[in-house]
Amino acid sequence: MSTDPQEELLYQLVKQQLGGSEALGELDRIVKGVAGTLGFPNEVQERLVGRLRSELAPPPLVEAAPRLLVDWGELPQVGSQCRPEFTLLCPVYDSRPEIAIRVDRDLDHDPVDPRRRPLTDELGLWSFHVPFRMTSEGFDCRPGQYLVDVQVSFREIRQELPRFYRCSIRLTVSGTGGGGELVIDGDGQSVVNLQGYNLKQFSKVILKGGQDGVINLQNGLAPDSPVDIGKSAKPVTTFEYQLKVDQQKQSRMPKLATTSTSRAYLDAAAFFFEDGRRTIVMTRPKITFGRSRDNDAVLRFLPPGEEHDSLSKNISRTHFVSTLTPEGIELEDESKSGMELNYSVVEKRQVLPAAFAGDPQHLKLGVTGLVPRGFELDIFMFAPGRDEHREELEYWDELYCEVVRGRLSRTSREALDVGINGVRYDRIGNLEGEECYAHLLRELLIGSSPAQCGVLLKDSHRAVEARLLHIDRSFWLEALPGGSPLAINGTLLPPRTLLPLSPGMEIRFGNEHARFDRPAQLYLD
């Protein structure tokens, strides 16, 4: 413990925001952000960064790290078929490894070849083959460097062991063809000793020496026997490649918060903010909108009054239904007064594909000539990032379920296939900004960005602060790195920590407070 009270106070505040797997750059940014807010001097910040770096340094696990051996059989040559055998030694890991091999796209290969599946030879020893050709679209590959990326992960492991490893194997193709060119240029007094060196692995050998130069080629063509002068020694073809911990993925690994609160089983909930705003969150694959209280989202002109009650009569009891389909979000018109999407009349149904994510879609209910004023909504759809592959997203979804000991819902799987995480419906022109409706399909982000977040914060300076999940009919909150301090009932939630939400919980996002509770709409409680 430091004797400097400022450093100790800053230490306690920063530790509450750390998840234990932050990169050095992220650690520096968190310290500077907290210290800058409180006005601590730079020397205190520097001392604290050094202290935290030493505390967060991972323990040495050299003996636990898996080892990757590759037997190439024959060293890769231009135009050849390669069938290297990969062997993974992981004696301290009991579970079956999940291995992803990405061969350079410029080399011909089959990414779904069944020979890539690891087979157990004995406990802690796995082997598999990765066939590919040193060709590009059937022609000899061009000179240059080609990469084979190996990613290894494990399930159900001891908490102190890393879960993710990776390495890149680099293949170099020279411009001379064959095995490359060896050139040795010696001066008149040089001695070049090539005894036992297998010169036949090169397509061209050029040796230059002066008048008094000495070049020793003993067994340079056939180290095994002076009789078999036409045969060369088989070069070494088995190599070990170092597997390194994939820190980027390791830092994303979620942890389960220690809490005595029991899980609440809910299909719908709401965030009630201090200033009166509320966001209703629904998780069913199909949600209904209309004037009747039987709908998931009750749409009326509010607050109640003679004028608003008259206008609300033009909204049908169930005006439209929003459904997740394989094509996207389907809006089905069930009203008598019709509706417009982006100022075009909807003929019975209209589908919003995932490609529309991030851009507002304007919806107007009641568009016939007899309706003096239609009810308006803006629709925002949220999709995974463009650089996030479906297989990897599915892996992380299953991993989160493993952490909380739950199962991935059918809706979440379908949403992943479609490429839509969730939808937000904002009221426009009536109670604008006071109440909105969020459809959680796979996940909803919480933050200040209207184009990214299903639950919007007003006072946040970060686009995204947290993530809301629905696993096994329970809502889970995850604090994300780099966000404002997030506290549940006064207890800070570290980044990458999952907490089950229960009705009545008080949540603080930085300076903004909200209550998580059962759904209730304005003026309809």
Protein backbone atom coordinates (compact mmCIF):
# COMPACT_ATOMS: atom_id res chain seq x y z
CA MET A 1 0.00 0.00 0.00
CA SER A 2 1.25 3.44 -0.95
CA THR A 3 1.85 6.11 1.70
CA ASP A 4 0.61 8.81 -0.69
CA PRO A 5 -3.12 9.36 0.10
CA GLN A 6 -3.79 10.73 -3.41
CA GLU A 7 -2.25 7.68 -5.06
CA GLU A 8 -4.14 5.32 -2.76
CA LEU A 9 -7.47 7.06 -3.45
CA LEU A 10 -6.83 7.00 -7.19
CA TYR A 11 -5.81 3.34 -6.91
CA GLN A 12 -9.10 2.38 -5.27
CA LEU A 13 -11.16 4.30 -7.83
CA VAL A 14 -9.35 2.83 -10.84
CA LYS A 15 -9.36 -0.73 -9.50
CA GLN A 16 -13.15 -0.60 -9.36
CA GLN A 17 -13.24 -0.06 -13.13
CA LEU A 18 -10.75 -2.75 -14.09
CA GLY A 19 -11.68 -6.22 -15.21
CA GLY A 20 -8.16 -7.62 -14.81
CA SER A 21 -7.43 -8.20 -18.52
CA GLU A 22 -6.95 -4.65 -19.84
CA ALA A 23 -4.25 -3.93 -22.39
CA LEU A 24 -1.54 -1.44 -21.39
CA GLY A 25 -2.93 1.32 -23.60
CA GLU A 26 -6.39 0.88 -22.16
CA LEU A 27 -4.99 0.87 -18.61
CA ASP A 28 -3.21 4.18 -19.23
CA ARG A 29 -6.38 5.74 -20.63
CA ILE A 30 -8.51 4.67 -17.65
CA VAL A 31 -6.00 6.04 -15.14
CA LYS A 32 -5.68 9.36 -16.99
CA GLY A 33 -9.45 9.66 -17.33
CA VAL A 34 -10.12 9.20 -13.61
CA ALA A 35 -7.11 11.29 -12.54
CA GLY A 36 -8.01 14.09 -14.94
CA THR A 37 -11.55 14.26 -13.58
CA LEU A 38 -10.28 14.57 -10.00
CA GLY A 39 -7.32 16.83 -10.87
CA PHE A 40 -4.50 14.57 -9.63
CA PRO A 41 -0.95 15.54 -10.77
CA ASN A 42 0.88 13.65 -13.52
CA GLU A 43 3.47 12.11 -11.18
CA VAL A 44 0.71 10.39 -9.22
CA GLN A 45 -0.73 9.03 -12.46
CA GLU A 46 2.65 7.66 -13.59
CA ARG A 47 3.32 5.94 -10.26
CA LEU A 48 -0.10 4.35 -10.30
CA VAL A 49 0.25 3.09 -13.89
CA GLY A 50 3.52 1.35 -12.96
CA ARG A 51 1.92 -0.16 -9.86
CA LEU A 52 -1.09 -1.49 -11.76
CA ARG A 53 1.05 -2.89 -14.57
CA SER A 54 3.00 -4.99 -12.10
CA GLU A 55 -0.17 -6.17 -10.34
CA LEU A 56 -1.97 -7.09 -13.57
CA ALA A 57 1.01 -8.86 -15.18
CA PRO A 58 -0.14 -12.41 -16.01
CA PRO A 59 1.56 -15.23 -14.07
CA PRO A 60 4.07 -17.34 -16.01
CA LEU A 61 2.35 -20.34 -17.55
CA VAL A 62 5.10 -21.63 -19.81
CA GLU A 63 4.59 -25.22 -18.69
CA ALA A 64 0.85 -24.94 -19.33
CA ALA A 65 0.99 -23.44 -22.82
CA PRO A 66 0.06 -25.85 -25.61
CA ARG A 67 2.75 -26.79 -28.12
CA LEU A 68 2.15 -26.92 -31.86
CA LEU A 69 4.25 -29.23 -34.06
CA VAL A 70 3.87 -29.39 -37.84
CA ASP A 71 5.25 -32.23 -39.96
CA TRP A 72 5.25 -30.97 -43.54
CA GLY A 73 6.22 -34.34 -45.03
CA GLU A 74 7.82 -32.55 -47.96
CA LEU A 75 8.73 -28.89 -47.75
CA PRO A 76 6.24 -26.75 -49.73
CA GLN A 77 7.29 -26.03 -53.31
CA VAL A 78 5.58 -24.02 -56.03
CA GLY A 79 2.79 -26.05 -57.65
CA SER A 80 2.93 -28.88 -55.10
CA GLN A 81 0.16 -30.39 -52.99
CA CYS A 82 0.82 -29.94 -49.26
CA ARG A 83 -0.69 -32.15 -46.55
CA PRO A 84 1.03 -31.05 -43.33
CA GLU A 85 0.14 -32.95 -40.16
CA PHE A 86 -0.49 -30.71 -37.16
CA THR A 87 0.03 -32.07 -33.66
CA LEU A 88 -1.22 -30.18 -30.60
CA LEU A 89 0.23 -31.10 -27.21
CA CYS A 90 -1.86 -29.71 -24.35
CA PRO A 91 -1.43 -31.98 -21.27
CA VAL A 92 -2.91 -29.51 -18.74
CA TYR A 93 -6.09 -28.96 -20.80
CA ASP A 94 -8.71 -31.66 -20.36
CA SER A 95 -11.30 -30.39 -22.86
CA ARG A 96 -11.30 -30.90 -26.61
CA PRO A 97 -9.63 -27.95 -28.38
CA GLU A 98 -11.55 -25.91 -30.91
CA ILE A 99 -9.19 -25.18 -33.79
CA ALA A 100 -9.67 -22.72 -36.64
CA ILE A 101 -7.21 -22.80 -39.53
CA ARG A 102 -7.20 -20.00 -42.09
CA VAL A 103 -5.02 -20.73 -45.11
CA ASP A 104 -4.00 -17.71 -47.18
CA ARG A 105 -6.83 -16.93 -49.61
CA ASP A 106 -4.30 -16.77 -52.47
CA LEU A 107 -3.56 -20.49 -52.05
CA ASP A 108 -6.02 -23.11 -53.31
CA HIS A 109 -7.63 -25.00 -50.41
CA ASP A 110 -10.91 -26.34 -49.04
CA PRO A 111 -11.83 -24.50 -45.80
CA VAL A 112 -14.35 -27.20 -44.78
CA ASP A 113 -12.12 -30.22 -45.44
CA PRO A 114 -13.07 -32.83 -42.80
CA ARG A 115 -9.39 -33.70 -42.33
CA ARG A 116 -9.02 -30.44 -40.41
CA ARG A 117 -11.00 -31.85 -37.48
CA PRO A 118 -8.73 -32.70 -34.56
CA LEU A 119 -8.56 -36.37 -33.54
CA THR A 120 -7.29 -37.49 -30.18
CA ASP A 121 -4.26 -39.77 -30.15
CA GLU A 122 -4.13 -39.89 -26.36
CA LEU A 123 -5.02 -37.63 -23.46
CA GLY A 124 -3.67 -34.14 -24.17
CA LEU A 125 -2.49 -35.04 -27.70
CA TRP A 126 -4.47 -34.06 -30.81
CA SER A 127 -3.60 -34.31 -34.50
CA PHE A 128 -5.16 -33.17 -37.79
CA HIS A 129 -4.21 -32.43 -41.40
CA VAL A 130 -4.58 -29.19 -43.39
CA PRO A 131 -4.34 -29.93 -47.14
CA PHE A 132 -3.67 -27.06 -49.54
CA ARG A 133 -1.85 -26.45 -52.81
CA MET A 134 0.92 -24.00 -53.62
CA THR A 135 -1.22 -22.75 -56.50
CA SER A 136 -3.62 -19.85 -57.08
CA GLU A 137 -6.73 -20.78 -59.08
CA GLY A 138 -4.91 -23.77 -60.52
CA PHE A 139 -1.77 -21.89 -61.58
CA ASP A 140 1.58 -21.82 -59.78
CA CYS A 141 1.47 -19.28 -56.97
CA ARG A 142 3.42 -16.06 -57.31
CA PRO A 143 6.61 -15.33 -55.36
CA GLY A 144 6.01 -13.75 -51.96
CA GLN A 145 4.88 -14.63 -48.47
CA TYR A 146 1.77 -16.64 -47.60
CA LEU A 147 0.22 -17.07 -44.16
CA VAL A 148 -1.46 -19.97 -42.41
CA ASP A 149 -3.23 -18.62 -39.31
CA VAL A 150 -3.90 -21.04 -36.44
CA GLN A 151 -6.37 -20.23 -33.66
CA VAL A 152 -6.90 -22.58 -30.71
CA SER A 153 -9.45 -22.25 -27.93
CA PHE A 154 -10.60 -24.42 -25.04
CA ARG A 155 -13.88 -24.82 -23.15
CA GLU A 156 -14.41 -25.68 -19.48
CA ILE A 157 -10.91 -24.99 -18.23
CA ARG A 158 -9.39 -23.90 -14.94
CA GLN A 159 -9.92 -20.20 -14.32
CA GLU A 160 -6.20 -19.38 -14.13
CA LEU A 161 -5.42 -20.88 -17.55
CA PRO A 162 -5.59 -18.86 -20.77
CA ARG A 163 -8.41 -19.96 -23.05
CA PHE A 164 -7.32 -18.51 -26.44
CA TYR A 165 -4.09 -19.06 -28.40
CA ARG A 166 -2.94 -18.22 -31.90
CA CYS A 167 0.07 -18.22 -34.21
CA SER A 168 0.84 -17.42 -37.83
CA ILE A 169 2.94 -19.70 -40.01
CA ARG A 170 4.70 -17.83 -42.81
CA LEU A 171 5.50 -19.56 -46.11
CA THR A 172 8.04 -17.77 -48.30
CA VAL A 173 8.16 -18.42 -52.04
CA SER A 174 11.27 -17.07 -53.78
CA GLY A 175 11.28 -15.67 -57.27
CA THR A 176 13.72 -18.24 -58.66
CA GLY A 177 11.47 -21.26 -58.38
CA GLY A 178 12.34 -24.62 -56.90
CA GLY A 179 14.24 -24.45 -53.66
CA GLY A 180 15.81 -21.05 -54.18
CA GLU A 181 19.30 -19.97 -55.16
CA LEU A 182 22.53 -20.23 -53.16
CA VAL A 183 25.33 -17.84 -54.09
CA ILE A 184 28.71 -17.89 -52.32
CA ASP A 185 31.38 -15.53 -53.55
CA GLY A 186 34.74 -16.02 -51.85
CA ASP A 187 37.94 -14.06 -52.31
CA GLY A 188 41.34 -15.54 -53.06
CA GLN A 189 42.14 -16.42 -49.43
CA SER A 190 38.68 -17.61 -48.25
CA VAL A 191 37.76 -21.02 -46.89
CA VAL A 192 34.15 -22.08 -47.52
CA ASN A 193 33.10 -25.19 -45.57
CA LEU A 194 29.91 -26.80 -46.89
CA GLN A 195 30.62 -30.25 -45.49
CA GLY A 196 27.34 -32.19 -45.05
CA TYR A 197 25.22 -29.30 -46.33
CA ASN A 198 22.42 -30.56 -48.61
CA LEU A 199 22.94 -28.47 -51.75
CA LYS A 200 20.24 -30.31 -53.68
CA GLN A 201 17.53 -28.38 -51.81
CA PHE A 202 18.50 -25.37 -53.99
CA SER A 203 17.47 -25.04 -57.62
CA LYS A 204 20.71 -23.21 -58.43
CA VAL A 205 24.09 -23.12 -56.66
CA ILE A 206 26.80 -20.61 -57.61
CA LEU A 207 30.19 -20.94 -55.89
CA LYS A 208 32.95 -18.45 -56.62
CA GLY A 209 36.47 -18.64 -55.24
CA GLY A 210 39.86 -17.11 -55.95
CA GLN A 211 43.08 -18.86 -56.91
CA ASP A 212 43.93 -19.89 -53.35
CA GLY A 213 40.39 -20.30 -52.14
CA VAL A 214 39.19 -23.56 -50.55
CA ILE A 215 35.65 -24.92 -50.87
CA ASN A 216 34.77 -28.10 -48.93
CA LEU A 217 31.81 -29.96 -50.50
CA GLN A 218 32.27 -33.28 -48.67
CA ASN A 219 28.83 -34.99 -48.49
CA GLY A 220 27.30 -31.79 -49.80
CA LEU A 221 25.24 -33.81 -52.25
CA ALA A 222 24.76 -37.04 -50.32
CA PRO A 223 25.55 -36.96 -46.60
CA ASP A 224 24.36 -40.52 -46.00
CA SER A 225 26.81 -42.48 -48.12
CA PRO A 226 29.62 -41.68 -50.58
CA VAL A 227 28.23 -44.45 -52.81
CA ASP A 228 24.68 -43.00 -53.21
CA ILE A 229 26.00 -39.83 -54.76
CA GLY A 230 22.71 -39.19 -56.61
CA LYS A 231 20.57 -39.09 -53.45
CA SER A 232 20.38 -36.17 -51.07
CA ALA A 233 19.63 -36.28 -47.38
CA LYS A 234 16.01 -35.69 -46.53
CA PRO A 235 15.76 -32.19 -45.07
CA VAL A 236 14.13 -31.62 -41.69
CA THR A 237 10.37 -31.21 -42.21
CA THR A 238 9.00 -31.13 -38.65
CA PHE A 239 8.98 -27.77 -36.91
CA GLU A 240 7.53 -26.34 -33.71
CA TYR A 241 5.62 -23.06 -33.87
CA GLN A 242 5.03 -20.97 -30.76
CA LEU A 243 1.41 -20.53 -29.72
CA LYS A 244 0.87 -17.15 -28.08
CA VAL A 245 -2.02 -16.12 -25.88
CA ASP A 246 -4.57 -14.21 -27.95
CA GLN A 247 -4.82 -11.18 -25.67
CA GLN A 248 -7.54 -9.52 -27.73
CA LYS A 249 -9.91 -12.43 -27.22
CA GLN A 250 -8.70 -13.19 -23.70
CA SER A 251 -9.62 -9.65 -22.62
CA ARG A 252 -13.18 -10.19 -23.93
CA MET A 253 -13.71 -13.23 -21.74
CA PRO A 254 -16.70 -12.50 -19.46
CA LYS A 255 -16.84 -13.26 -15.75
CA LEU A 256 -19.83 -13.90 -13.55
CA ALA A 257 -20.44 -11.35 -10.81
CA THR A 258 -20.65 -12.63 -7.26
CA THR A 259 -24.10 -11.68 -5.99
CA SER A 260 -26.70 -13.04 -3.61
CA THR A 261 -29.53 -11.78 -5.82
CA SER A 262 -31.55 -14.57 -7.36
CA ARG A 263 -32.29 -14.56 -11.08
CA ALA A 264 -35.60 -13.12 -12.24
CA TYR A 265 -37.35 -14.77 -15.18
CA LEU A 266 -38.80 -12.05 -17.42
CA ASP A 267 -39.66 -11.73 -21.10
CA ALA A 268 -40.11 -7.96 -20.84
CA ALA A 269 -38.72 -5.25 -18.57
CA ALA A 270 -38.07 -1.50 -18.48
CA PHE A 271 -35.45 1.07 -17.52
CA PHE A 272 -36.96 3.99 -15.60
CA PHE A 273 -34.68 7.05 -15.56
CA GLU A 274 -34.63 9.81 -12.94
CA ASP A 275 -35.86 12.47 -15.36
CA GLY A 276 -39.00 10.48 -16.19
CA ARG A 277 -37.81 8.79 -19.40
CA ARG A 278 -38.41 5.09 -19.78
CA THR A 279 -37.41 2.39 -22.24
CA ILE A 280 -39.58 -0.72 -22.52
CA VAL A 281 -37.56 -3.82 -23.52
CA MET A 282 -39.29 -6.83 -25.09
CA THR A 283 -37.72 -10.15 -26.07
CA ARG A 284 -40.48 -12.07 -27.87
CA PRO A 285 -39.83 -12.88 -31.57
CA LYS A 286 -43.10 -11.11 -32.47
CA ILE A 287 -44.40 -7.90 -30.83
CA THR A 288 -47.66 -6.07 -31.42
CA PHE A 289 -48.36 -2.33 -31.54
CA GLY A 290 -51.77 -0.72 -31.18
CA ARG A 291 -54.29 1.17 -29.08
CA SER A 292 -55.46 -1.80 -27.00
CA ARG A 293 -53.79 -2.63 -23.70
CA ASP A 294 -53.47 -6.20 -24.94
CA ASN A 295 -50.57 -5.15 -27.19
CA ASP A 296 -46.92 -5.39 -26.23
CA ALA A 297 -46.52 -1.67 -27.00
CA VAL A 298 -49.62 0.45 -26.38
CA LEU A 299 -49.69 3.40 -28.80
CA ARG A 300 -51.88 6.37 -27.91
CA PHE A 301 -51.57 10.12 -28.07
CA LEU A 302 -50.59 11.15 -24.55
CA PRO A 303 -51.17 12.61 -22.04
CA PRO A 304 -54.88 11.72 -21.95
CA GLY A 305 -57.25 14.52 -22.90
CA GLU A 306 -60.15 15.22 -25.20
CA GLU A 307 -57.99 16.04 -28.25
CA HIS A 308 -55.51 13.21 -27.73
CA ASP A 309 -58.25 10.67 -27.02
CA SER A 310 -59.95 11.66 -30.29
CA LEU A 311 -56.71 11.28 -32.25
CA SER A 312 -55.99 7.90 -30.61
CA LYS A 313 -59.22 6.47 -32.06
CA ASN A 314 -57.57 6.49 -35.49
CA ILE A 315 -55.00 3.95 -34.20
CA SER A 316 -56.40 0.44 -34.56
CA ARG A 317 -56.68 -1.88 -31.56
CA THR A 318 -53.74 -3.78 -33.06
CA HIS A 319 -52.31 -1.57 -35.76
CA PHE A 320 -49.27 -3.56 -36.85
CA VAL A 321 -47.14 -6.54 -35.89
CA SER A 322 -43.34 -6.57 -36.00
CA THR A 323 -41.79 -10.02 -36.54
CA LEU A 324 -38.27 -11.34 -37.00
CA THR A 325 -38.17 -13.30 -40.27
CA PRO A 326 -35.29 -14.81 -42.31
CA GLU A 327 -35.50 -11.73 -44.58
CA GLY A 328 -35.37 -9.15 -41.78
CA ILE A 329 -37.94 -7.29 -39.66
CA GLU A 330 -41.41 -7.71 -41.14
CA LEU A 331 -44.00 -5.00 -40.47
CA GLU A 332 -47.50 -6.38 -41.08
CA ASP A 333 -50.39 -3.91 -41.33
CA GLU A 334 -53.50 -5.09 -39.44
CA SER A 335 -55.21 -1.69 -39.26
CA LYS A 336 -58.14 0.01 -40.95
CA SER A 337 -56.39 3.36 -41.41
CA GLY A 338 -53.19 1.99 -42.98
CA MET A 339 -49.57 3.03 -42.47
CA GLU A 340 -46.61 4.47 -44.37
CA LEU A 341 -42.99 3.40 -44.22
CA ASN A 342 -40.55 6.06 -45.39
CA TYR A 343 -43.54 7.98 -46.85
CA SER A 344 -44.72 5.07 -49.00
CA VAL A 345 -47.97 3.27 -48.22
CA VAL A 346 -47.44 -0.26 -46.91
CA GLU A 347 -49.41 -2.83 -48.89
CA LYS A 348 -50.21 -5.38 -46.18
CA ARG A 349 -46.57 -6.07 -45.27
CA GLN A 350 -43.10 -4.57 -45.61
CA VAL A 351 -39.71 -6.07 -44.71
CA LEU A 352 -36.74 -4.09 -43.37
CA PRO A 353 -33.53 -6.03 -44.23
CA ALA A 354 -30.43 -6.01 -42.05
CA ALA A 355 -28.74 -3.72 -44.58
CA PHE A 356 -30.95 -0.87 -43.26
CA ALA A 357 -29.34 -1.08 -39.80
CA GLY A 358 -28.12 2.22 -38.38
CA ASP A 359 -30.37 4.45 -40.50
CA PRO A 360 -33.74 5.66 -39.16
CA GLN A 361 -36.83 4.31 -40.91
CA HIS A 362 -39.88 6.58 -40.57
CA LEU A 363 -43.22 4.90 -39.83
CA LYS A 364 -46.59 6.69 -39.79
CA LEU A 365 -49.79 5.04 -38.55
CA GLY A 366 -53.13 6.30 -39.93
CA VAL A 367 -52.70 7.60 -43.47
CA THR A 368 -56.18 7.64 -44.93
CA GLY A 369 -57.85 10.93 -45.81
CA LEU A 370 -60.13 10.69 -42.79
CA VAL A 371 -57.22 10.76 -40.31
CA PRO A 372 -56.35 14.35 -39.29
CA ARG A 373 -53.02 13.39 -37.70
CA GLY A 374 -51.10 10.12 -37.89
CA PHE A 375 -49.05 8.56 -35.11
CA GLU A 376 -45.33 8.56 -35.97
CA LEU A 377 -42.39 6.37 -35.00
CA ASP A 378 -38.74 6.21 -36.01
CA ILE A 379 -37.31 2.70 -36.29
CA PHE A 380 -33.62 1.94 -35.68
CA MET A 381 -32.22 -1.54 -36.35
CA PHE A 382 -28.90 -2.71 -34.90
CA ALA A 383 -26.60 -5.23 -36.56
CA PRO A 384 -23.22 -6.82 -35.71
CA GLY A 385 -20.08 -5.03 -36.90
CA ARG A 386 -19.03 -5.66 -40.48
CA ASP A 387 -15.76 -7.22 -39.35
CA GLU A 388 -17.51 -9.71 -37.04
CA HIS A 389 -17.95 -13.12 -38.66
CA ARG A 390 -21.05 -15.17 -37.94
CA GLU A 391 -19.14 -18.23 -36.71
CA GLU A 392 -17.17 -16.14 -34.24
CA LEU A 393 -20.31 -14.38 -32.96
CA GLU A 394 -22.00 -17.74 -32.45
CA TYR A 395 -18.95 -18.98 -30.56
CA TRP A 396 -19.08 -16.00 -28.19
CA ASP A 397 -22.84 -16.35 -27.71
CA GLU A 398 -22.36 -19.97 -26.67
CA LEU A 399 -19.45 -19.00 -24.44
CA TYR A 400 -21.58 -16.44 -22.60
CA CYS A 401 -24.25 -19.08 -22.12
CA GLU A 402 -21.59 -21.42 -20.73
CA VAL A 403 -20.48 -18.76 -18.22
CA VAL A 404 -24.02 -18.16 -16.92
CA ARG A 405 -24.93 -21.86 -17.26
CA GLY A 406 -27.78 -21.13 -19.62
CA ARG A 407 -28.90 -21.92 -23.15
CA LEU A 408 -29.00 -19.75 -26.22
CA SER A 409 -32.58 -18.96 -27.17
CA ARG A 410 -34.07 -19.81 -30.54
CA THR A 411 -34.76 -16.12 -31.16
CA SER A 412 -31.10 -15.26 -30.58
CA ARG A 413 -29.95 -17.93 -33.05
CA GLU A 414 -32.42 -16.75 -35.69
CA ALA A 415 -31.37 -13.12 -35.15
CA LEU A 416 -27.74 -14.14 -35.64
CA ASP A 417 -28.62 -15.82 -38.93
CA VAL A 418 -30.50 -12.73 -40.13
CA GLY A 419 -27.81 -10.30 -38.88
CA ILE A 420 -30.01 -8.16 -36.62
CA ASN A 421 -29.25 -7.73 -32.91
CA GLY A 422 -32.26 -5.63 -31.96
CA VAL A 423 -34.64 -2.81 -32.89
CA ARG A 424 -35.65 0.47 -31.20
CA TYR A 425 -38.93 2.31 -31.85
CA ASP A 426 -38.94 6.02 -30.94
CA ARG A 427 -42.12 8.06 -30.58
CA ILE A 428 -42.03 11.17 -32.78
CA GLY A 429 -44.13 14.28 -32.18
CA ASN A 430 -45.84 12.90 -29.06
CA LEU A 431 -43.93 12.24 -25.83
CA GLU A 432 -40.83 12.40 -28.01
CA GLY A 433 -37.79 11.29 -26.01
CA GLU A 434 -39.88 10.31 -23.00
CA GLU A 435 -40.72 6.74 -23.96
CA CYS A 436 -39.36 4.29 -26.50
CA TYR A 437 -39.71 0.57 -27.15
CA ALA A 438 -36.75 -1.77 -27.66
CA HIS A 439 -36.93 -5.23 -29.21
CA LEU A 440 -34.06 -7.36 -27.87
CA LEU A 441 -33.36 -10.18 -30.29
CA ARG A 442 -29.71 -11.05 -29.63
CA GLU A 443 -28.32 -8.09 -27.65
CA LEU A 444 -28.90 -4.40 -27.01
CA LEU A 445 -26.18 -1.87 -26.35
CA ILE A 446 -26.59 0.90 -23.77
CA GLY A 447 -25.03 4.32 -24.39
CA SER A 448 -25.42 7.71 -26.02
CA SER A 449 -25.35 6.70 -29.71
CA PRO A 450 -28.87 6.62 -31.24
CA ALA A 451 -27.58 4.59 -34.20
CA GLN A 452 -25.97 1.90 -32.02
CA CYS A 453 -27.88 1.65 -28.74
CA GLY A 454 -31.26 0.21 -27.86
CA VAL A 455 -31.25 1.93 -24.47
CA LEU A 456 -30.23 5.58 -24.75
CA LEU A 457 -28.41 7.62 -22.10
CA LYS A 458 -28.53 11.43 -22.05
CA ASP A 459 -25.56 12.33 -19.84
CA SER A 460 -23.07 9.76 -21.13
CA HIS A 461 -20.03 10.90 -23.10
CA ARG A 462 -19.44 7.41 -24.46
CA ALA A 463 -21.22 5.98 -27.50
CA VAL A 464 -21.51 2.59 -25.76
CA GLU A 465 -21.35 1.94 -22.01
CA ALA A 466 -22.84 -1.51 -21.44
CA ARG A 467 -24.56 -4.48 -23.05
CA LEU A 468 -27.93 -6.05 -22.28
CA LEU A 469 -28.48 -9.77 -22.94
CA HIS A 470 -31.39 -12.16 -22.48
CA ILE A 471 -30.31 -15.72 -21.66
CA ASP A 472 -32.62 -18.41 -20.29
CA ARG A 473 -35.46 -15.89 -19.86
CA SER A 474 -33.29 -13.68 -17.64
CA PHE A 475 -31.82 -10.25 -18.37
CA TRP A 476 -28.05 -9.89 -17.93
CA LEU A 477 -26.05 -6.66 -17.82
CA GLU A 478 -22.40 -6.48 -18.89
CA ALA A 479 -20.19 -3.45 -18.25
CA LEU A 480 -17.95 -2.76 -21.25
CA PRO A 481 -14.33 -1.53 -21.07
CA GLY A 482 -13.75 2.18 -21.45
CA GLY A 483 -17.19 3.21 -20.23
CA SER A 484 -18.19 5.30 -17.23
CA PRO A 485 -18.30 3.59 -13.80
CA LEU A 486 -21.32 1.29 -13.70
CA ALA A 487 -22.82 0.45 -10.31
CA ILE A 488 -25.67 -1.86 -9.30
CA ASN A 489 -27.31 -0.97 -5.97
CA GLY A 490 -24.18 1.01 -5.10
CA THR A 491 -21.70 -1.76 -5.97
CA LEU A 492 -19.41 -1.18 -8.95
CA LEU A 493 -19.62 -3.71 -11.76
CA PRO A 494 -16.15 -4.29 -13.30
CA PRO A 495 -15.83 -4.42 -17.10
CA ARG A 496 -16.56 -7.76 -18.77
CA THR A 497 -18.57 -8.88 -15.75
CA LEU A 498 -22.07 -10.33 -16.14
CA LEU A 499 -24.79 -9.64 -13.58
CA PRO A 500 -28.39 -10.96 -13.62
CA LEU A 501 -30.92 -8.14 -13.31
CA SER A 502 -33.90 -8.28 -10.97
CA PRO A 503 -36.87 -5.91 -10.59
CA GLY A 504 -36.12 -2.95 -8.34
CA MET A 505 -32.37 -2.82 -9.00
CA GLU A 506 -30.87 0.68 -9.06
CA ILE A 507 -28.31 1.17 -11.84
CA ARG A 508 -25.86 4.06 -12.17
CA PHE A 509 -24.30 4.71 -15.58
CA GLY A 510 -21.71 7.38 -14.70
CA ASN A 511 -23.86 10.27 -13.46
CA GLU A 512 -27.12 8.89 -14.82
CA HIS A 513 -29.42 6.77 -12.67
CA ALA A 514 -32.10 4.29 -13.71
CA ARG A 515 -34.27 1.66 -12.07
CA PHE A 516 -34.66 -1.74 -13.70
CA ASP A 517 -38.15 -3.09 -13.19
CA ARG A 518 -41.14 -4.78 -14.74
CA PRO A 519 -42.56 -3.00 -17.82
CA ALA A 520 -45.03 -0.15 -17.33
CA GLN A 521 -45.90 2.54 -19.85
CA LEU A 522 -46.49 6.23 -19.26
CA TYR A 523 -50.04 7.11 -18.17
CA LEU A 524 -50.98 3.43 -18.36
CA ASP A 525 -49.64 2.26 -14.98
